[in-house]
Amino acid sequence: MDSLQLFSSDKSNAKHSQAIAKAVLMVDSIAISRAVNQEVFAAEILRACYKEVTR
C-alpha cells in the first residue's frame, strides 16, 4: 500500500496528505537526535506539518 493512502484515500486531500507525509519523514530524520522527550518530538512533527501544509 502506498504511504499516502494511509493518510487519505480522498483525492481532494491528496496534496495535504503528501505534505504531511513529507514533513513527517523530514522530521523523523532530524528531530530524533535532538528531541529530549515525546512532547518535543510531537511538537517538531506538528511544526513541520504546519509549514508543509501552509506553503
N, C-alpha and C. Protein backbone atom coordinates (compact mmCIF):
# COMPACT_ATOMS: atom_id res chain seq x y z
N MET A 1 0.84 -1.20 0.00
CA MET A 1 0.00 0.00 0.00
C MET A 1 0.87 1.24 0.00
N ASP A 2 0.49 2.20 -0.81
CA ASP A 2 1.22 3.46 -0.89
C ASP A 2 1.10 4.20 0.44
N SER A 3 2.18 4.84 0.87
CA SER A 3 2.16 5.53 2.17
C SER A 3 1.14 6.66 2.19
N LEU A 4 0.88 7.28 1.04
CA LEU A 4 -0.11 8.36 1.01
C LEU A 4 -1.52 7.82 1.25
N GLN A 5 -1.78 6.58 0.85
CA GLN A 5 -3.10 6.01 1.06
C GLN A 5 -3.37 5.78 2.55
N LEU A 6 -2.33 5.66 3.33
CA LEU A 6 -2.52 5.51 4.76
C LEU A 6 -3.10 6.77 5.38
N PHE A 7 -2.74 7.92 4.82
CA PHE A 7 -3.24 9.19 5.34
C PHE A 7 -4.64 9.49 4.83
N SER A 8 -4.89 9.25 3.56
CA SER A 8 -6.18 9.61 2.99
C SER A 8 -6.37 8.95 1.65
N SER A 9 -7.57 8.43 1.42
CA SER A 9 -7.89 7.90 0.10
C SER A 9 -8.68 8.92 -0.71
N ASP A 10 -9.03 10.04 -0.10
CA ASP A 10 -9.78 11.10 -0.75
C ASP A 10 -8.83 11.96 -1.57
N LYS A 11 -9.09 12.06 -2.88
CA LYS A 11 -8.18 12.80 -3.76
C LYS A 11 -8.13 14.29 -3.43
N SER A 12 -9.19 14.82 -2.85
CA SER A 12 -9.17 16.25 -2.51
C SER A 12 -8.19 16.54 -1.38
N ASN A 13 -7.85 15.54 -0.60
CA ASN A 13 -6.89 15.73 0.50
C ASN A 13 -5.50 15.23 0.13
N ALA A 14 -5.32 14.84 -1.12
CA ALA A 14 -4.04 14.24 -1.51
C ALA A 14 -2.87 15.19 -1.32
N LYS A 15 -3.07 16.47 -1.64
CA LYS A 15 -1.96 17.43 -1.51
C LYS A 15 -1.56 17.59 -0.04
N HIS A 16 -2.55 17.72 0.84
CA HIS A 16 -2.24 17.83 2.26
C HIS A 16 -1.62 16.55 2.79
N SER A 17 -2.14 15.42 2.35
CA SER A 17 -1.60 14.14 2.80
C SER A 17 -0.14 14.00 2.38
N GLN A 18 0.15 14.41 1.15
CA GLN A 18 1.53 14.33 0.66
C GLN A 18 2.43 15.26 1.46
N ALA A 19 1.95 16.46 1.74
CA ALA A 19 2.75 17.40 2.52
C ALA A 19 3.02 16.89 3.92
N ILE A 20 2.00 16.29 4.53
CA ILE A 20 2.16 15.75 5.88
C ILE A 20 3.14 14.58 5.88
N ALA A 21 2.99 13.70 4.91
CA ALA A 21 3.92 12.56 4.82
C ALA A 21 5.35 13.04 4.64
N LYS A 22 5.54 14.03 3.78
CA LYS A 22 6.87 14.58 3.54
C LYS A 22 7.43 15.20 4.81
N ALA A 23 6.59 15.96 5.52
CA ALA A 23 7.04 16.61 6.75
C ALA A 23 7.41 15.59 7.82
N VAL A 24 6.60 14.55 7.97
CA VAL A 24 6.89 13.54 8.99
C VAL A 24 8.20 12.83 8.67
N LEU A 25 8.42 12.50 7.40
CA LEU A 25 9.68 11.85 7.03
C LEU A 25 10.87 12.77 7.29
N MET A 26 10.70 14.06 6.99
CA MET A 26 11.77 15.03 7.21
C MET A 26 12.07 15.15 8.71
N VAL A 27 11.02 15.28 9.52
CA VAL A 27 11.21 15.43 10.96
C VAL A 27 11.82 14.16 11.54
N ASP A 28 11.39 13.01 11.06
CA ASP A 28 11.90 11.75 11.56
C ASP A 28 13.41 11.69 11.45
N SER A 29 13.96 12.24 10.37
CA SER A 29 15.40 12.14 10.16
C SER A 29 16.20 13.16 10.96
N ILE A 30 15.60 14.28 11.35
CA ILE A 30 16.38 15.32 12.04
C ILE A 30 16.03 15.51 13.51
N ALA A 31 14.79 15.24 13.89
CA ALA A 31 14.36 15.59 15.23
C ALA A 31 14.65 14.53 16.28
N ILE A 32 14.82 13.30 15.85
CA ILE A 32 15.06 12.24 16.84
C ILE A 32 16.31 12.53 17.66
N SER A 33 17.33 13.01 17.00
CA SER A 33 18.59 13.24 17.69
C SER A 33 18.51 14.39 18.69
N ARG A 34 17.61 15.36 18.46
CA ARG A 34 17.55 16.49 19.38
C ARG A 34 16.31 16.51 20.27
N ALA A 35 15.42 15.57 20.08
CA ALA A 35 14.22 15.52 20.91
C ALA A 35 14.57 14.93 22.27
N VAL A 36 14.30 15.69 23.31
CA VAL A 36 14.63 15.21 24.65
C VAL A 36 13.51 14.40 25.25
N ASN A 37 12.31 14.54 24.70
CA ASN A 37 11.19 13.74 25.17
C ASN A 37 10.10 13.67 24.09
N GLN A 38 9.04 12.94 24.36
CA GLN A 38 7.99 12.74 23.36
C GLN A 38 7.27 14.04 23.02
N GLU A 39 7.12 14.93 23.99
CA GLU A 39 6.41 16.18 23.73
C GLU A 39 7.19 17.06 22.75
N VAL A 40 8.50 17.10 22.91
CA VAL A 40 9.33 17.88 21.99
C VAL A 40 9.26 17.27 20.59
N PHE A 41 9.33 15.95 20.51
CA PHE A 41 9.27 15.28 19.22
C PHE A 41 7.92 15.54 18.54
N ALA A 42 6.83 15.45 19.29
CA ALA A 42 5.49 15.71 18.73
C ALA A 42 5.38 17.16 18.26
N ALA A 43 5.93 18.08 19.01
CA ALA A 43 5.89 19.49 18.62
C ALA A 43 6.65 19.71 17.32
N GLU A 44 7.78 19.03 17.16
CA GLU A 44 8.56 19.15 15.92
C GLU A 44 7.77 18.62 14.72
N ILE A 45 7.08 17.51 14.90
CA ILE A 45 6.27 16.95 13.82
C ILE A 45 5.15 17.91 13.45
N LEU A 46 4.45 18.44 14.45
CA LEU A 46 3.35 19.36 14.18
C LEU A 46 3.84 20.63 13.49
N ARG A 47 4.96 21.15 13.92
CA ARG A 47 5.52 22.35 13.30
C ARG A 47 5.86 22.10 11.83
N ALA A 48 6.50 20.99 11.54
CA ALA A 48 6.87 20.68 10.16
C ALA A 48 5.64 20.43 9.30
N CYS A 49 4.64 19.75 9.85
CA CYS A 49 3.40 19.52 9.10
C CYS A 49 2.72 20.83 8.77
N TYR A 50 2.65 21.73 9.73
CA TYR A 50 2.02 23.02 9.50
C TYR A 50 2.76 23.80 8.41
N LYS A 51 4.08 23.79 8.47
CA LYS A 51 4.87 24.51 7.46
C LYS A 51 4.63 23.93 6.07
N GLU A 52 4.57 22.60 5.95
CA GLU A 52 4.36 21.97 4.65
C GLU A 52 2.96 22.26 4.11
N VAL A 53 1.96 22.17 4.96
CA VAL A 53 0.58 22.33 4.50
C VAL A 53 0.28 23.77 4.13
N THR A 54 0.90 24.73 4.82
CA THR A 54 0.59 26.14 4.57
C THR A 54 1.53 26.78 3.55
N ARG A 55 2.45 26.04 2.99
CA ARG A 55 3.36 26.58 1.97
C ARG A 55 2.65 26.96 0.71
